[in-house]
Amino acid sequence: MPARAGRGVAGGLGRETLADRLAVLLATQIHSGSLGPGERLPTEAQISATHGVSRSVVREAVHRVKSRGLLVSRQGSGVFVAAPAPHRPLEFDPSVLDSVAAVVHVVEVRRVLESEMAALAAERASRAQVAGLRRALAAIDAAAAAGHDGVAEDLAFHRAIGEATGNPQFSLLLGFLEQYLREGMRITRGNEARRLDFMEAVRKEHRLIVEAIAVGDARGARRAAASHMVHSAQRLVRGGVLPPGAARTRSVR
């Protein structure tokens, strides 16, 4: 594998990570037949040594290829190439994050998805799930206070909303989308961490989503979730990460 690609807050939009490149390589080997159905994948240590990357990079790359249905884990045996699926699995082009326009497109998909998840969660969430959402918010605050980027905690919060819908397909879809959302979220949270007003706005938007879900206000939850995504895009423009006009968003009513 070539040397690690550098990335900054703005520069990360068009940069491949080592995990991206290794995931593409593994998928190519599977599609070409170099790794056939039922064949055991080399161990983490072997892949790490072969390609000169860390084991954490290998784990992330394998997770991404698994999410595409190309690999399966067998407890105690390892990771194997999956049998060809009767239907083609959902996947985005790996270049989906190579341009500002593509990033905005993914954000729009997320806005539609998360708005409806929030509305369904408001109709169906149990008290325990609402309590879990509040804990997820506290975890985001704790991560920020400790100087961490909070990406994992933010993703966990949105997964908790998906689980509160009672529909397991949302959790599966979010798990798939995370491979495309993670880097964008790092950029978003890095931008927000540079300004206290941005950070407080995000906290308020998250709280509005949870409070609407807690009181069973589906319309309010939908509006709060959509508004959060619109404002996130606007903050990227205000923070200089996206150029003016890159995130064409309208106010949510």
Protein backbone atom coordinates (compact mmCIF):
# COMPACT_ATOMS: atom_id res chain seq x y z
CA MET A 1 0.00 0.00 0.00
CA PRO A 2 1.31 3.52 -0.73
CA ALA A 3 2.09 5.94 2.08
CA ARG A 4 -0.75 7.31 4.19
CA ALA A 5 -2.71 10.09 2.55
CA GLY A 6 -2.70 13.28 4.60
CA ARG A 7 -5.89 15.15 5.34
CA GLY A 8 -7.02 18.32 7.04
CA VAL A 9 -10.47 19.62 7.84
CA ALA A 10 -11.18 20.86 4.34
CA GLY A 11 -8.73 18.61 2.52
CA GLY A 12 -10.44 15.43 3.77
CA LEU A 13 -13.25 15.82 1.27
CA GLY A 14 -11.30 14.35 -1.60
CA ARG A 15 -8.74 12.13 0.12
CA GLU A 16 -8.81 8.36 0.26
CA THR A 17 -7.83 6.78 3.55
CA LEU A 18 -5.77 3.59 3.74
CA ALA A 19 -8.91 1.73 4.82
CA ASP A 20 -10.71 3.03 1.70
CA ARG A 21 -7.95 1.79 -0.55
CA LEU A 22 -7.60 -1.58 1.14
CA ALA A 23 -11.38 -2.11 1.03
CA VAL A 24 -11.38 -1.41 -2.72
CA LEU A 25 -8.46 -3.83 -3.19
CA LEU A 26 -10.18 -6.65 -1.28
CA ALA A 27 -13.46 -6.10 -3.14
CA THR A 28 -11.59 -6.15 -6.46
CA GLN A 29 -9.92 -9.45 -5.54
CA ILE A 30 -13.33 -10.93 -4.74
CA HIS A 31 -14.99 -9.63 -7.91
CA SER A 32 -12.08 -10.84 -10.07
CA GLY A 33 -12.14 -14.31 -8.54
CA SER A 34 -8.70 -14.01 -6.92
CA LEU A 35 -10.58 -14.71 -3.70
CA GLY A 36 -13.32 -17.22 -4.46
CA PRO A 37 -16.60 -17.99 -2.64
CA GLY A 38 -15.96 -19.90 0.57
CA GLU A 39 -12.26 -19.01 0.63
CA ARG A 40 -10.90 -17.92 3.99
CA LEU A 41 -9.51 -14.40 4.17
CA PRO A 42 -5.93 -14.13 5.45
CA THR A 43 -5.67 -13.14 9.10
CA GLU A 44 -5.51 -9.50 10.21
CA ALA A 45 -1.82 -9.93 10.94
CA GLN A 46 -1.14 -11.41 7.48
CA ILE A 47 -3.04 -8.67 5.65
CA SER A 48 -1.34 -6.04 7.80
CA ALA A 49 2.11 -7.40 6.95
CA THR A 50 1.34 -7.87 3.25
CA HIS A 51 0.07 -4.34 2.69
CA GLY A 52 2.08 -2.45 5.30
CA VAL A 53 -0.88 -1.07 7.22
CA SER A 54 -1.97 -1.28 10.84
CA ARG A 55 -4.39 -3.93 12.06
CA SER A 56 -6.95 -1.22 12.85
CA VAL A 57 -6.86 -0.23 9.16
CA VAL A 58 -7.39 -3.88 8.22
CA ARG A 59 -10.36 -4.18 10.61
CA GLU A 60 -12.01 -1.07 9.20
CA ALA A 61 -11.46 -2.19 5.60
CA VAL A 62 -12.84 -5.68 6.28
CA HIS A 63 -15.86 -4.14 8.04
CA ARG A 64 -16.59 -2.06 4.94
CA VAL A 65 -16.36 -5.07 2.62
CA LYS A 66 -18.59 -7.07 4.99
CA SER A 67 -21.19 -4.30 4.88
CA ARG A 68 -21.40 -4.85 1.13
CA GLY A 69 -22.23 -8.53 1.68
CA LEU A 70 -18.97 -9.75 0.15
CA LEU A 71 -17.54 -11.29 3.34
CA VAL A 72 -19.03 -13.28 6.22
CA SER A 73 -17.64 -14.08 9.67
CA ARG A 74 -17.79 -17.60 11.10
CA GLN A 75 -17.27 -17.66 14.82
CA GLY A 76 -14.04 -19.37 15.72
CA SER A 77 -13.09 -19.93 12.09
CA GLY A 78 -12.37 -16.51 10.61
CA VAL A 79 -13.69 -14.39 7.76
CA PHE A 80 -14.72 -15.98 4.46
CA VAL A 81 -15.73 -14.80 1.00
CA ALA A 82 -19.51 -14.93 0.78
CA ALA A 83 -21.37 -16.90 -1.85
CA PRO A 84 -22.63 -14.72 -4.72
CA ALA A 85 -25.85 -13.01 -3.65
CA PRO A 86 -28.98 -13.71 -5.72
CA HIS A 87 -29.60 -9.95 -5.71
CA ARG A 88 -27.03 -7.22 -6.09
CA PRO A 89 -26.39 -5.52 -2.72
CA LEU A 90 -26.78 -1.78 -2.29
CA GLU A 91 -23.49 0.07 -2.66
CA PHE A 92 -22.28 3.56 -3.53
CA ASP A 93 -19.42 4.31 -5.87
CA PRO A 94 -16.25 4.62 -3.72
CA SER A 95 -15.70 8.04 -5.34
CA VAL A 96 -18.89 9.32 -3.67
CA LEU A 97 -16.82 11.62 -1.44
CA ASP A 98 -14.47 12.87 -4.16
CA SER A 99 -16.28 16.18 -4.66
CA VAL A 100 -18.17 18.77 -2.66
CA ALA A 101 -21.30 18.11 -4.73
CA ALA A 102 -21.19 14.39 -3.89
CA VAL A 103 -20.81 15.13 -0.18
CA VAL A 104 -23.86 17.40 -0.28
CA HIS A 105 -25.82 14.68 -2.09
CA VAL A 106 -25.04 12.17 0.67
CA VAL A 107 -26.06 14.75 3.29
CA GLU A 108 -29.39 15.18 1.49
CA VAL A 109 -29.96 11.41 1.57
CA ARG A 110 -29.19 11.43 5.27
CA ARG A 111 -31.58 14.33 5.90
CA VAL A 112 -34.49 12.50 4.30
CA LEU A 113 -33.68 9.24 6.11
CA GLU A 114 -33.07 10.69 9.55
CA SER A 115 -36.11 12.98 9.44
CA GLU A 116 -38.44 10.04 8.95
CA MET A 117 -36.57 7.91 11.49
CA ALA A 118 -37.03 10.63 14.09
CA ALA A 119 -40.76 10.84 13.31
CA LEU A 120 -41.19 7.07 13.64
CA ALA A 121 -39.13 7.02 16.82
CA ALA A 122 -41.45 9.66 18.29
CA GLU A 123 -44.40 7.35 17.62
CA ARG A 124 -42.77 4.14 18.85
CA ALA A 125 -39.87 4.75 21.27
CA SER A 126 -40.11 3.10 24.68
CA ARG A 127 -39.10 4.87 27.89
CA ALA A 128 -35.93 2.82 27.97
CA GLN A 129 -35.06 3.90 24.42
CA VAL A 130 -35.68 7.56 25.25
CA ALA A 131 -33.39 7.15 28.25
CA GLY A 132 -30.82 5.62 25.91
CA LEU A 133 -31.05 8.66 23.63
CA ARG A 134 -30.37 10.95 26.59
CA ARG A 135 -27.35 8.83 27.53
CA ALA A 136 -26.13 9.06 23.95
CA LEU A 137 -26.31 12.87 24.12
CA ALA A 138 -24.36 12.83 27.39
CA ALA A 139 -21.72 10.65 25.72
CA ILE A 140 -21.30 13.20 22.91
CA ASP A 141 -20.83 15.99 25.48
CA ALA A 142 -18.34 13.89 27.44
CA ALA A 143 -16.31 13.16 24.31
CA ALA A 144 -16.19 16.85 23.40
CA ALA A 145 -15.18 17.78 26.96
CA ALA A 146 -12.34 15.25 26.79
CA GLY A 147 -11.06 16.80 23.55
CA HIS A 148 -12.17 13.95 21.29
CA ASP A 149 -13.89 14.45 17.94
CA GLY A 150 -17.08 12.71 19.14
CA VAL A 151 -17.69 11.06 15.76
CA ALA A 152 -18.28 7.58 17.21
CA GLU A 153 -20.62 9.00 19.84
CA ASP A 154 -22.52 11.09 17.29
CA LEU A 155 -22.98 8.06 15.05
CA ALA A 156 -24.14 6.03 18.07
CA PHE A 157 -26.76 8.71 18.82
CA HIS A 158 -28.21 8.47 15.32
CA ARG A 159 -28.11 4.66 15.48
CA ALA A 160 -30.11 4.86 18.71
CA ILE A 161 -32.78 6.87 16.90
CA GLY A 162 -32.88 4.18 14.20
CA GLU A 163 -33.29 1.46 16.84
CA ALA A 164 -36.09 3.45 18.49
CA THR A 165 -38.15 3.18 15.28
CA GLY A 166 -38.61 -0.52 16.00
CA ASN A 167 -37.68 -1.27 12.40
CA PRO A 168 -34.40 -3.23 12.17
CA GLN A 169 -33.97 -2.27 8.51
CA PHE A 170 -33.13 1.27 9.54
CA SER A 171 -30.28 0.02 11.71
CA LEU A 172 -28.96 -2.07 8.81
CA LEU A 173 -29.20 0.86 6.40
CA LEU A 174 -27.45 3.21 8.82
CA GLY A 175 -24.71 0.63 9.33
CA PHE A 176 -24.16 0.59 5.57
CA LEU A 177 -24.21 4.38 5.22
CA GLU A 178 -21.73 4.94 8.04
CA GLN A 179 -18.78 4.02 5.82
CA TYR A 180 -19.68 7.04 3.67
CA LEU A 181 -20.81 9.32 6.52
CA ARG A 182 -17.90 8.83 8.90
CA GLU A 183 -15.34 11.02 7.12
CA GLY A 184 -17.93 13.69 6.37
CA MET A 185 -18.92 13.72 10.02
CA ARG A 186 -15.28 14.12 11.06
CA ILE A 187 -15.13 17.20 8.85
CA THR A 188 -18.43 18.53 10.22
CA ARG A 189 -17.51 18.03 13.85
CA GLY A 190 -14.01 19.40 13.30
CA ASN A 191 -15.56 22.54 11.84
CA GLU A 192 -18.03 22.85 14.72
CA ALA A 193 -15.36 22.33 17.38
CA ARG A 194 -13.59 25.50 16.25
CA ARG A 195 -16.49 27.73 17.32
CA LEU A 196 -18.36 27.70 20.61
CA ASP A 197 -21.54 29.03 18.97
CA PHE A 198 -21.47 26.13 16.51
CA MET A 199 -21.01 23.58 19.31
CA GLU A 200 -23.86 25.03 21.36
CA ALA A 201 -26.14 25.11 18.30
CA VAL A 202 -25.46 21.41 17.65
CA ARG A 203 -26.22 20.53 21.29
CA LYS A 204 -29.49 22.46 21.12
CA GLU A 205 -30.50 20.80 17.84
CA HIS A 206 -29.80 17.34 19.25
CA ARG A 207 -31.80 18.11 22.39
CA LEU A 208 -34.77 19.31 20.32
CA ILE A 209 -34.81 16.00 18.44
CA VAL A 210 -34.73 13.97 21.66
CA GLU A 211 -37.37 16.09 23.42
CA ALA A 212 -39.75 15.76 20.48
CA ILE A 213 -39.25 11.99 20.46
CA ALA A 214 -39.72 11.85 24.25
CA VAL A 215 -43.14 13.54 24.10
CA GLY A 216 -44.29 11.58 21.04
CA ASP A 217 -44.31 14.60 18.72
CA ALA A 218 -43.68 12.98 15.34
CA ARG A 219 -44.09 16.18 13.35
CA GLY A 220 -41.76 18.08 15.69
CA ALA A 221 -39.18 15.30 15.62
CA ARG A 222 -39.21 15.22 11.82
CA ARG A 223 -38.82 18.99 11.65
CA ALA A 224 -36.05 19.05 14.29
CA ALA A 225 -34.04 16.32 12.54
CA ALA A 226 -34.36 17.94 9.12
CA SER A 227 -33.47 21.33 10.56
CA HIS A 228 -30.36 19.85 12.20
CA MET A 229 -29.09 18.57 8.86
CA VAL A 230 -29.85 21.87 7.09
CA HIS A 231 -28.00 23.83 9.76
CA SER A 232 -25.07 21.40 9.67
CA ALA A 233 -24.59 22.13 5.97
CA GLN A 234 -24.94 25.87 6.57
CA ARG A 235 -22.27 25.73 9.29
CA LEU A 236 -19.86 24.11 6.83
CA VAL A 237 -20.32 27.09 4.53
CA ARG A 238 -20.01 29.61 7.38
CA GLY A 239 -16.88 27.83 8.62
CA GLY A 240 -15.26 28.04 5.19
CA VAL A 241 -15.21 24.25 4.65
CA LEU A 242 -17.68 24.45 1.76
CA PRO A 243 -17.77 27.34 -0.71
CA PRO A 244 -20.83 29.64 -0.71
CA GLY A 245 -23.68 28.04 -2.61
CA ALA A 246 -22.29 24.50 -2.25
CA ALA A 247 -25.01 23.54 0.24
CA ARG A 248 -28.24 24.80 -1.25
CA THR A 249 -30.64 24.30 1.60
CA ARG A 250 -33.97 25.79 2.53
CA SER A 251 -35.40 26.52 5.94
CA VAL A 252 -37.47 23.71 7.39
CA ARG A 253 -41.03 24.54 8.40
